[in-house]
N, C-alpha and C. Protein backbone atom coordinates (compact mmCIF):
# COMPACT_ATOMS: atom_id res chain seq x y z
N MET A 1 0.85 -1.17 0.00
CA MET A 1 0.00 0.00 0.00
C MET A 1 0.89 1.23 0.00
N SER A 2 0.63 2.13 -0.93
CA SER A 2 1.41 3.36 -0.99
C SER A 2 1.04 4.26 0.17
N PRO A 3 1.92 5.19 0.55
CA PRO A 3 1.63 6.04 1.70
C PRO A 3 0.38 6.90 1.53
N ASN A 4 0.01 7.23 0.30
CA ASN A 4 -1.17 8.07 0.07
C ASN A 4 -2.44 7.26 -0.14
N LYS A 5 -2.31 5.95 -0.33
CA LYS A 5 -3.50 5.14 -0.58
C LYS A 5 -4.18 4.77 0.73
N SER A 6 -5.48 4.90 0.73
CA SER A 6 -6.28 4.54 1.88
C SER A 6 -6.29 3.03 2.05
N GLU A 7 -6.35 2.58 3.28
CA GLU A 7 -6.43 1.15 3.53
C GLU A 7 -7.74 0.57 2.99
N PHE A 8 -8.80 1.37 3.08
CA PHE A 8 -10.12 0.93 2.61
C PHE A 8 -10.60 1.88 1.52
N SER A 9 -10.08 1.73 0.33
CA SER A 9 -10.46 2.63 -0.75
C SER A 9 -11.71 2.14 -1.51
N LYS A 10 -12.09 0.88 -1.30
CA LYS A 10 -13.30 0.34 -1.92
C LYS A 10 -14.10 -0.37 -0.84
N ILE A 11 -15.21 0.25 -0.44
CA ILE A 11 -16.02 -0.25 0.67
C ILE A 11 -17.39 -0.68 0.16
N LEU A 12 -17.77 -1.89 0.52
CA LEU A 12 -19.08 -2.43 0.16
C LEU A 12 -20.02 -2.27 1.34
N ILE A 13 -21.17 -1.61 1.10
CA ILE A 13 -22.19 -1.41 2.13
C ILE A 13 -23.40 -2.25 1.76
N LEU A 14 -23.86 -3.08 2.69
CA LEU A 14 -25.05 -3.88 2.45
C LEU A 14 -26.27 -3.09 2.96
N VAL A 15 -27.25 -2.92 2.08
CA VAL A 15 -28.39 -2.07 2.38
C VAL A 15 -29.68 -2.86 2.21
N ASP A 16 -30.54 -2.83 3.23
CA ASP A 16 -31.85 -3.47 3.11
C ASP A 16 -32.98 -2.60 3.64
N GLY A 17 -32.68 -1.37 4.00
CA GLY A 17 -33.70 -0.45 4.49
C GLY A 17 -33.93 -0.50 5.99
N SER A 18 -33.36 -1.49 6.66
CA SER A 18 -33.54 -1.60 8.12
C SER A 18 -32.67 -0.56 8.82
N GLN A 19 -33.01 -0.26 10.05
CA GLN A 19 -32.21 0.70 10.82
C GLN A 19 -30.75 0.26 10.95
N PRO A 20 -30.48 -1.03 11.23
CA PRO A 20 -29.07 -1.44 11.28
C PRO A 20 -28.33 -1.21 9.96
N SER A 21 -28.99 -1.39 8.82
CA SER A 21 -28.30 -1.16 7.55
C SER A 21 -28.09 0.33 7.32
N ILE A 22 -29.00 1.16 7.79
CA ILE A 22 -28.83 2.62 7.72
C ILE A 22 -27.65 3.03 8.60
N ASN A 23 -27.57 2.45 9.80
CA ASN A 23 -26.43 2.72 10.69
C ASN A 23 -25.12 2.29 10.05
N ALA A 24 -25.13 1.15 9.37
CA ALA A 24 -23.94 0.66 8.69
C ALA A 24 -23.53 1.62 7.57
N ALA A 25 -24.49 2.11 6.82
CA ALA A 25 -24.20 3.07 5.75
C ALA A 25 -23.59 4.35 6.32
N ASP A 26 -24.18 4.83 7.42
CA ASP A 26 -23.64 6.03 8.08
C ASP A 26 -22.19 5.82 8.49
N ARG A 27 -21.90 4.66 9.06
CA ARG A 27 -20.54 4.35 9.52
C ARG A 27 -19.58 4.25 8.33
N ALA A 28 -20.03 3.64 7.25
CA ALA A 28 -19.19 3.50 6.06
C ALA A 28 -18.88 4.86 5.44
N VAL A 29 -19.88 5.74 5.38
CA VAL A 29 -19.65 7.08 4.83
C VAL A 29 -18.67 7.84 5.71
N ALA A 30 -18.86 7.77 7.02
CA ALA A 30 -17.94 8.45 7.95
C ALA A 30 -16.52 7.91 7.79
N LEU A 31 -16.39 6.61 7.64
CA LEU A 31 -15.07 6.00 7.47
C LEU A 31 -14.44 6.46 6.16
N ALA A 32 -15.22 6.49 5.09
CA ALA A 32 -14.70 6.93 3.79
C ALA A 32 -14.24 8.39 3.86
N LYS A 33 -14.99 9.22 4.55
CA LYS A 33 -14.60 10.63 4.69
C LYS A 33 -13.32 10.76 5.50
N LYS A 34 -13.17 9.93 6.50
CA LYS A 34 -11.97 9.94 7.33
C LYS A 34 -10.76 9.39 6.57
N GLU A 35 -10.98 8.35 5.77
CA GLU A 35 -9.90 7.66 5.07
C GLU A 35 -9.40 8.41 3.84
N ARG A 36 -10.26 9.21 3.23
CA ARG A 36 -9.84 9.86 1.99
C ARG A 36 -8.75 10.89 2.28
N GLY A 37 -7.84 10.96 1.39
CA GLY A 37 -6.79 11.96 1.50
C GLY A 37 -7.13 13.14 0.62
N THR A 38 -6.16 13.96 0.33
CA THR A 38 -6.43 15.11 -0.51
C THR A 38 -6.49 14.73 -1.98
N ASP A 39 -5.86 13.62 -2.36
CA ASP A 39 -5.89 13.26 -3.76
C ASP A 39 -6.23 11.79 -4.02
N ASN A 40 -6.65 11.05 -3.01
CA ASN A 40 -7.10 9.69 -3.29
C ASN A 40 -8.61 9.63 -3.15
N SER A 41 -9.19 8.88 -4.05
CA SER A 41 -10.64 8.78 -4.04
C SER A 41 -11.07 7.51 -3.31
N GLN A 42 -12.27 7.56 -2.82
CA GLN A 42 -12.90 6.43 -2.14
C GLN A 42 -14.07 5.98 -3.00
N LEU A 43 -14.27 4.70 -3.08
CA LEU A 43 -15.44 4.17 -3.76
C LEU A 43 -16.29 3.43 -2.75
N LEU A 44 -17.52 3.88 -2.61
CA LEU A 44 -18.50 3.17 -1.79
C LEU A 44 -19.45 2.46 -2.75
N ILE A 45 -19.67 1.19 -2.50
CA ILE A 45 -20.61 0.42 -3.30
C ILE A 45 -21.77 0.04 -2.39
N ALA A 46 -22.94 0.59 -2.66
CA ALA A 46 -24.13 0.24 -1.89
C ALA A 46 -24.83 -0.90 -2.64
N LEU A 47 -25.00 -2.01 -1.95
CA LEU A 47 -25.55 -3.21 -2.57
C LEU A 47 -26.79 -3.68 -1.81
N HIS A 48 -27.86 -3.92 -2.56
CA HIS A 48 -29.06 -4.53 -1.99
C HIS A 48 -29.20 -5.90 -2.64
N VAL A 49 -29.21 -6.93 -1.81
CA VAL A 49 -29.37 -8.30 -2.32
C VAL A 49 -30.77 -8.77 -1.95
N MET A 50 -31.48 -9.21 -2.96
CA MET A 50 -32.87 -9.66 -2.78
C MET A 50 -32.93 -11.16 -3.08
N PHE A 51 -33.56 -11.89 -2.19
CA PHE A 51 -33.76 -13.31 -2.42
C PHE A 51 -35.07 -13.51 -3.16
N SER A 52 -35.04 -14.28 -4.22
CA SER A 52 -36.27 -14.59 -4.94
C SER A 52 -36.06 -15.84 -5.77
N ARG A 53 -37.00 -16.72 -5.68
CA ARG A 53 -36.96 -17.90 -6.54
C ARG A 53 -37.75 -17.64 -7.81
N LEU A 54 -38.36 -16.50 -7.93
CA LEU A 54 -39.11 -16.05 -9.09
C LEU A 54 -40.08 -17.08 -9.65
N GLY A 55 -39.86 -18.33 -9.42
CA GLY A 55 -40.77 -19.36 -9.94
C GLY A 55 -42.01 -19.54 -9.09
N TYR A 56 -41.89 -19.33 -7.76
CA TYR A 56 -43.07 -19.52 -6.93
C TYR A 56 -43.13 -18.59 -5.73
N ALA A 57 -42.09 -17.89 -5.44
CA ALA A 57 -42.07 -17.04 -4.25
C ALA A 57 -43.09 -15.93 -4.33
N TYR A 58 -43.43 -15.47 -5.52
CA TYR A 58 -44.36 -14.35 -5.65
C TYR A 58 -45.73 -14.77 -6.20
N SER A 59 -46.00 -16.07 -6.27
CA SER A 59 -47.24 -16.52 -6.90
C SER A 59 -48.48 -15.97 -6.19
N SER A 60 -48.44 -15.78 -4.89
CA SER A 60 -49.60 -15.25 -4.18
C SER A 60 -49.71 -13.74 -4.33
N ALA A 61 -48.68 -13.08 -4.85
CA ALA A 61 -48.70 -11.63 -5.01
C ALA A 61 -49.38 -11.22 -6.32
N GLY A 62 -49.80 -12.19 -7.12
CA GLY A 62 -50.53 -11.87 -8.33
C GLY A 62 -49.66 -11.31 -9.45
N VAL A 63 -48.41 -11.67 -9.53
CA VAL A 63 -47.54 -11.15 -10.58
C VAL A 63 -47.29 -12.17 -11.68
N PHE A 64 -48.02 -13.27 -11.65
CA PHE A 64 -47.80 -14.31 -12.64
C PHE A 64 -48.93 -14.31 -13.65
N GLY A 65 -48.64 -14.91 -14.77
CA GLY A 65 -49.64 -15.03 -15.83
C GLY A 65 -50.77 -15.96 -15.42
N MET A 66 -51.72 -16.12 -16.33
CA MET A 66 -52.92 -16.92 -16.06
C MET A 66 -52.57 -18.37 -15.72
N ASP A 67 -51.48 -18.86 -16.25
CA ASP A 67 -51.10 -20.25 -16.00
C ASP A 67 -50.26 -20.41 -14.74
N GLY A 68 -50.00 -19.31 -14.01
CA GLY A 68 -49.24 -19.37 -12.77
C GLY A 68 -47.73 -19.35 -12.96
N LEU A 69 -47.27 -19.21 -14.19
CA LEU A 69 -45.83 -19.20 -14.45
C LEU A 69 -45.32 -17.77 -14.58
N ALA A 70 -44.10 -17.56 -14.16
CA ALA A 70 -43.49 -16.25 -14.29
C ALA A 70 -43.18 -15.99 -15.76
N THR A 71 -43.53 -14.82 -16.21
CA THR A 71 -43.21 -14.41 -17.57
C THR A 71 -42.05 -13.43 -17.52
N PRO A 72 -41.38 -13.20 -18.64
CA PRO A 72 -40.29 -12.21 -18.62
C PRO A 72 -40.75 -10.85 -18.10
N ASN A 73 -41.96 -10.45 -18.42
CA ASN A 73 -42.47 -9.16 -17.95
C ASN A 73 -42.67 -9.14 -16.44
N THR A 74 -43.16 -10.25 -15.86
CA THR A 74 -43.37 -10.25 -14.41
C THR A 74 -42.04 -10.26 -13.68
N VAL A 75 -41.07 -10.97 -14.22
CA VAL A 75 -39.74 -10.97 -13.62
C VAL A 75 -39.15 -9.56 -13.67
N LYS A 76 -39.31 -8.91 -14.82
CA LYS A 76 -38.82 -7.54 -14.99
C LYS A 76 -39.51 -6.60 -14.00
N GLU A 77 -40.81 -6.77 -13.80
CA GLU A 77 -41.55 -5.93 -12.85
C GLU A 77 -41.04 -6.12 -11.42
N ILE A 78 -40.76 -7.35 -11.05
CA ILE A 78 -40.25 -7.63 -9.71
C ILE A 78 -38.90 -6.95 -9.52
N LEU A 79 -38.03 -7.07 -10.51
CA LEU A 79 -36.71 -6.44 -10.42
C LEU A 79 -36.83 -4.93 -10.37
N GLU A 80 -37.69 -4.36 -11.18
CA GLU A 80 -37.88 -2.90 -11.18
C GLU A 80 -38.41 -2.42 -9.83
N SER A 81 -39.32 -3.18 -9.26
CA SER A 81 -39.87 -2.83 -7.94
C SER A 81 -38.77 -2.84 -6.87
N ALA A 82 -37.92 -3.85 -6.91
CA ALA A 82 -36.81 -3.94 -5.95
C ALA A 82 -35.85 -2.78 -6.14
N LYS A 83 -35.56 -2.44 -7.39
CA LYS A 83 -34.65 -1.33 -7.67
C LYS A 83 -35.24 0.00 -7.21
N ASN A 84 -36.53 0.20 -7.42
CA ASN A 84 -37.17 1.44 -6.98
C ASN A 84 -37.15 1.58 -5.47
N GLU A 85 -37.40 0.48 -4.77
CA GLU A 85 -37.36 0.50 -3.31
C GLU A 85 -35.94 0.81 -2.82
N ALA A 86 -34.97 0.14 -3.40
CA ALA A 86 -33.57 0.33 -2.99
C ALA A 86 -33.08 1.73 -3.34
N GLN A 87 -33.59 2.32 -4.41
CA GLN A 87 -33.14 3.65 -4.83
C GLN A 87 -33.36 4.69 -3.73
N GLN A 88 -34.42 4.54 -2.97
CA GLN A 88 -34.67 5.46 -1.84
C GLN A 88 -33.52 5.40 -0.84
N TRP A 89 -33.06 4.21 -0.55
CA TRP A 89 -31.96 4.03 0.40
C TRP A 89 -30.66 4.56 -0.19
N PHE A 90 -30.45 4.27 -1.47
CA PHE A 90 -29.24 4.74 -2.15
C PHE A 90 -29.18 6.28 -2.16
N ASP A 91 -30.34 6.91 -2.38
CA ASP A 91 -30.39 8.38 -2.41
C ASP A 91 -29.99 8.98 -1.06
N LYS A 92 -30.41 8.34 0.02
CA LYS A 92 -30.05 8.82 1.36
C LYS A 92 -28.54 8.71 1.59
N ILE A 93 -27.95 7.62 1.12
CA ILE A 93 -26.50 7.45 1.25
C ILE A 93 -25.79 8.53 0.44
N LYS A 94 -26.28 8.79 -0.77
CA LYS A 94 -25.67 9.81 -1.63
C LYS A 94 -25.72 11.18 -0.96
N GLU A 95 -26.84 11.51 -0.33
CA GLU A 95 -26.96 12.79 0.38
C GLU A 95 -25.89 12.90 1.47
N LYS A 96 -25.68 11.84 2.22
CA LYS A 96 -24.68 11.85 3.29
C LYS A 96 -23.27 11.98 2.73
N ILE A 97 -23.03 11.35 1.60
CA ILE A 97 -21.72 11.46 0.95
C ILE A 97 -21.48 12.90 0.49
N ASP A 98 -22.50 13.51 -0.08
CA ASP A 98 -22.36 14.85 -0.65
C ASP A 98 -22.08 15.92 0.40
N GLU A 99 -22.47 15.68 1.65
CA GLU A 99 -22.21 16.66 2.72
C GLU A 99 -20.70 16.76 2.94
N GLY A 100 -20.12 17.89 2.55
CA GLY A 100 -18.70 18.11 2.76
C GLY A 100 -17.78 17.40 1.78
N ASN A 101 -18.33 16.85 0.73
CA ASN A 101 -17.54 16.12 -0.27
C ASN A 101 -17.31 17.03 -1.48
N THR A 102 -16.71 18.19 -1.23
CA THR A 102 -16.58 19.21 -2.27
C THR A 102 -15.67 18.80 -3.42
N ASN A 103 -14.68 17.98 -3.17
CA ASN A 103 -13.76 17.56 -4.23
C ASN A 103 -14.23 16.30 -4.95
N ASN A 104 -15.40 15.80 -4.58
CA ASN A 104 -15.94 14.57 -5.17
C ASN A 104 -14.95 13.41 -5.09
N LEU A 105 -14.27 13.31 -3.96
CA LEU A 105 -13.31 12.23 -3.79
C LEU A 105 -13.98 10.94 -3.32
N ILE A 106 -15.24 11.03 -2.93
CA ILE A 106 -15.98 9.82 -2.56
C ILE A 106 -17.04 9.59 -3.63
N GLN A 107 -16.94 8.47 -4.29
CA GLN A 107 -17.88 8.11 -5.35
C GLN A 107 -18.81 7.02 -4.83
N LEU A 108 -20.04 7.02 -5.32
CA LEU A 108 -21.01 6.00 -4.94
C LEU A 108 -21.44 5.22 -6.16
N GLN A 109 -21.37 3.91 -6.03
CA GLN A 109 -21.88 3.00 -7.05
C GLN A 109 -22.99 2.20 -6.37
N THR A 110 -24.10 1.98 -7.05
CA THR A 110 -25.21 1.24 -6.45
C THR A 110 -25.59 0.06 -7.33
N GLU A 111 -26.08 -0.98 -6.67
CA GLU A 111 -26.50 -2.15 -7.43
C GLU A 111 -27.50 -2.97 -6.63
N VAL A 112 -28.45 -3.54 -7.36
CA VAL A 112 -29.41 -4.49 -6.79
C VAL A 112 -29.13 -5.84 -7.44
N VAL A 113 -28.96 -6.85 -6.60
CA VAL A 113 -28.69 -8.21 -7.08
C VAL A 113 -29.81 -9.11 -6.58
N VAL A 114 -30.31 -9.95 -7.45
CA VAL A 114 -31.32 -10.94 -7.07
C VAL A 114 -30.66 -12.30 -7.08
N THR A 115 -30.86 -13.04 -6.00
CA THR A 115 -30.30 -14.38 -5.92
C THR A 115 -31.41 -15.38 -5.59
N GLY A 116 -31.31 -16.54 -6.15
CA GLY A 116 -32.26 -17.60 -5.87
C GLY A 116 -31.69 -18.63 -4.92
N THR A 117 -30.44 -18.41 -4.51
CA THR A 117 -29.80 -19.37 -3.61
C THR A 117 -29.57 -18.72 -2.25
N SER A 118 -28.36 -18.31 -1.99
CA SER A 118 -28.01 -17.80 -0.67
C SER A 118 -27.61 -16.33 -0.74
N ILE A 119 -28.21 -15.52 0.12
CA ILE A 119 -27.84 -14.11 0.20
C ILE A 119 -26.38 -13.98 0.61
N VAL A 120 -25.96 -14.79 1.57
CA VAL A 120 -24.57 -14.75 2.04
C VAL A 120 -23.60 -15.02 0.90
N SER A 121 -23.84 -16.09 0.14
CA SER A 121 -22.91 -16.42 -0.94
C SER A 121 -22.94 -15.35 -2.03
N ALA A 122 -24.11 -14.75 -2.28
CA ALA A 122 -24.19 -13.67 -3.27
C ALA A 122 -23.34 -12.47 -2.83
N ILE A 123 -23.40 -12.13 -1.55
CA ILE A 123 -22.62 -11.00 -1.02
C ILE A 123 -21.13 -11.31 -1.08
N VAL A 124 -20.75 -12.48 -0.61
CA VAL A 124 -19.34 -12.86 -0.57
C VAL A 124 -18.76 -12.91 -1.98
N GLN A 125 -19.48 -13.48 -2.92
CA GLN A 125 -19.01 -13.57 -4.30
C GLN A 125 -18.92 -12.19 -4.94
N TYR A 126 -19.90 -11.34 -4.67
CA TYR A 126 -19.89 -9.97 -5.21
C TYR A 126 -18.66 -9.22 -4.69
N ALA A 127 -18.41 -9.32 -3.39
CA ALA A 127 -17.25 -8.65 -2.79
C ALA A 127 -15.95 -9.14 -3.41
N LYS A 128 -15.87 -10.43 -3.64
CA LYS A 128 -14.67 -11.00 -4.24
C LYS A 128 -14.49 -10.50 -5.68
N ASN A 129 -15.57 -10.53 -6.45
CA ASN A 129 -15.51 -10.10 -7.86
C ASN A 129 -15.14 -8.62 -7.98
N LYS A 130 -15.63 -7.80 -7.06
CA LYS A 130 -15.36 -6.36 -7.11
C LYS A 130 -14.07 -5.98 -6.38
N GLU A 131 -13.43 -6.96 -5.77
CA GLU A 131 -12.18 -6.75 -5.04
C GLU A 131 -12.30 -5.63 -3.99
N VAL A 132 -13.34 -5.73 -3.16
CA VAL A 132 -13.55 -4.72 -2.13
C VAL A 132 -12.55 -4.90 -0.99
N ASP A 133 -12.25 -3.78 -0.32
CA ASP A 133 -11.30 -3.79 0.79
C ASP A 133 -11.99 -4.02 2.13
N LEU A 134 -13.28 -3.71 2.20
CA LEU A 134 -14.03 -3.80 3.45
C LEU A 134 -15.51 -3.96 3.15
N ILE A 135 -16.16 -4.83 3.90
CA ILE A 135 -17.62 -4.97 3.84
C ILE A 135 -18.18 -4.39 5.12
N VAL A 136 -19.19 -3.51 4.99
CA VAL A 136 -19.85 -2.96 6.17
C VAL A 136 -21.30 -3.43 6.13
N ILE A 137 -21.71 -4.11 7.20
CA ILE A 137 -23.04 -4.72 7.25
C ILE A 137 -23.68 -4.43 8.60
N GLY A 138 -24.97 -4.22 8.58
CA GLY A 138 -25.71 -4.00 9.82
C GLY A 138 -26.21 -5.32 10.37
N THR A 139 -26.47 -5.32 11.68
CA THR A 139 -27.04 -6.51 12.32
C THR A 139 -28.02 -6.07 13.39
N ARG A 140 -29.00 -6.88 13.61
CA ARG A 140 -29.98 -6.57 14.65
C ARG A 140 -29.48 -6.98 16.03
N GLY A 141 -28.35 -7.63 16.08
CA GLY A 141 -27.75 -7.99 17.36
C GLY A 141 -28.39 -9.17 18.05
N ARG A 142 -29.01 -10.05 17.29
CA ARG A 142 -29.59 -11.25 17.88
C ARG A 142 -28.48 -12.16 18.37
N SER A 143 -28.80 -12.91 19.42
CA SER A 143 -27.79 -13.84 19.92
C SER A 143 -28.49 -15.08 20.44
N GLY A 144 -27.70 -16.05 20.82
CA GLY A 144 -28.23 -17.26 21.45
C GLY A 144 -29.18 -18.02 20.56
N LEU A 145 -30.31 -18.47 21.14
CA LEU A 145 -31.28 -19.30 20.46
C LEU A 145 -31.88 -18.60 19.24
N LYS A 146 -32.20 -17.30 19.34
CA LYS A 146 -32.78 -16.60 18.20
C LYS A 146 -31.84 -16.64 17.01
N LYS A 147 -30.55 -16.45 17.23
CA LYS A 147 -29.58 -16.47 16.14
C LYS A 147 -29.52 -17.88 15.53
N LEU A 148 -29.56 -18.89 16.38
CA LEU A 148 -29.51 -20.26 15.90
C LEU A 148 -30.73 -20.58 15.03
N LEU A 149 -31.90 -20.15 15.47
CA LEU A 149 -33.12 -20.46 14.74
C LEU A 149 -33.28 -19.60 13.49
N LEU A 150 -32.92 -18.32 13.56
CA LEU A 150 -33.17 -17.41 12.45
C LEU A 150 -32.02 -17.35 11.45
N GLY A 151 -30.86 -17.75 11.88
CA GLY A 151 -29.69 -17.60 11.02
C GLY A 151 -29.25 -16.15 11.01
N SER A 152 -28.13 -15.88 10.40
CA SER A 152 -27.63 -14.52 10.39
C SER A 152 -26.80 -14.28 9.15
N VAL A 153 -27.25 -13.32 8.34
CA VAL A 153 -26.50 -12.96 7.15
C VAL A 153 -25.14 -12.41 7.57
N ALA A 154 -25.13 -11.54 8.58
CA ALA A 154 -23.87 -10.94 9.03
C ALA A 154 -22.88 -12.02 9.45
N SER A 155 -23.33 -13.01 10.20
CA SER A 155 -22.40 -14.03 10.65
C SER A 155 -21.90 -14.88 9.50
N GLY A 156 -22.73 -15.13 8.49
CA GLY A 156 -22.28 -15.86 7.32
C GLY A 156 -21.25 -15.07 6.51
N VAL A 157 -21.49 -13.76 6.38
CA VAL A 157 -20.55 -12.92 5.65
C VAL A 157 -19.21 -12.87 6.37
N ILE A 158 -19.25 -12.74 7.70
CA ILE A 158 -18.01 -12.74 8.49
C ILE A 158 -17.25 -14.05 8.28
N THR A 159 -17.97 -15.14 8.27
CA THR A 159 -17.34 -16.45 8.14
C THR A 159 -16.68 -16.66 6.79
N TYR A 160 -17.33 -16.22 5.71
CA TYR A 160 -16.87 -16.59 4.38
C TYR A 160 -16.19 -15.49 3.57
N ALA A 161 -16.30 -14.24 3.99
CA ALA A 161 -15.68 -13.15 3.22
C ALA A 161 -14.16 -13.24 3.27
N GLU A 162 -13.54 -12.85 2.17
CA GLU A 162 -12.09 -12.87 2.07
C GLU A 162 -11.46 -11.54 2.49
N CYS A 163 -12.27 -10.54 2.80
CA CYS A 163 -11.77 -9.24 3.21
C CYS A 163 -12.33 -8.94 4.61
N PRO A 164 -11.84 -7.90 5.27
CA PRO A 164 -12.38 -7.54 6.58
C PRO A 164 -13.87 -7.18 6.48
N VAL A 165 -14.59 -7.46 7.57
CA VAL A 165 -16.01 -7.15 7.66
C VAL A 165 -16.24 -6.33 8.93
N MET A 166 -16.93 -5.20 8.78
CA MET A 166 -17.31 -4.38 9.93
C MET A 166 -18.81 -4.58 10.15
N VAL A 167 -19.17 -4.99 11.36
CA VAL A 167 -20.57 -5.22 11.69
C VAL A 167 -21.03 -4.07 12.58
N VAL A 168 -22.15 -3.45 12.20
CA VAL A 168 -22.65 -2.26 12.90
C VAL A 168 -24.05 -2.57 13.40
N LYS A 169 -24.31 -2.23 14.68
CA LYS A 169 -25.66 -2.40 15.24
C LYS A 169 -26.49 -1.18 14.97
């Protein structure tokens, strides 16, 4: 690492609209502002991962054709709906970045990913493909039996990610 390069120049923020994910985004923006130098840029990637089997998960929501099968248009509608919902969260992150970011040294990239398998593996693979330096994820702070029964995306990401993970309550 060069003396002017930030340790965390590419930060992945996991966003789902919950208060813990908002707290995580706030922490990531603050870290990026602290880490940026006068001439090095920071890249924040806000990622929303949505689980969907598209074949039957939404059948009761009335988005399927007469035969009950997903059509390309219904799949497109589901994706557009997820992107529109996530855009509200992304806009809030952008506002926080813009406060005091006069040199535009902090850039924001946003993406919505749909997975039919595991949210954890989608996050870990995305981070690996994008070569992120840090993952920032929110958690509700469940422990003990609740964590065992409900599972935990944060704990899975911590276990399998190849880069450091910051967990924010």
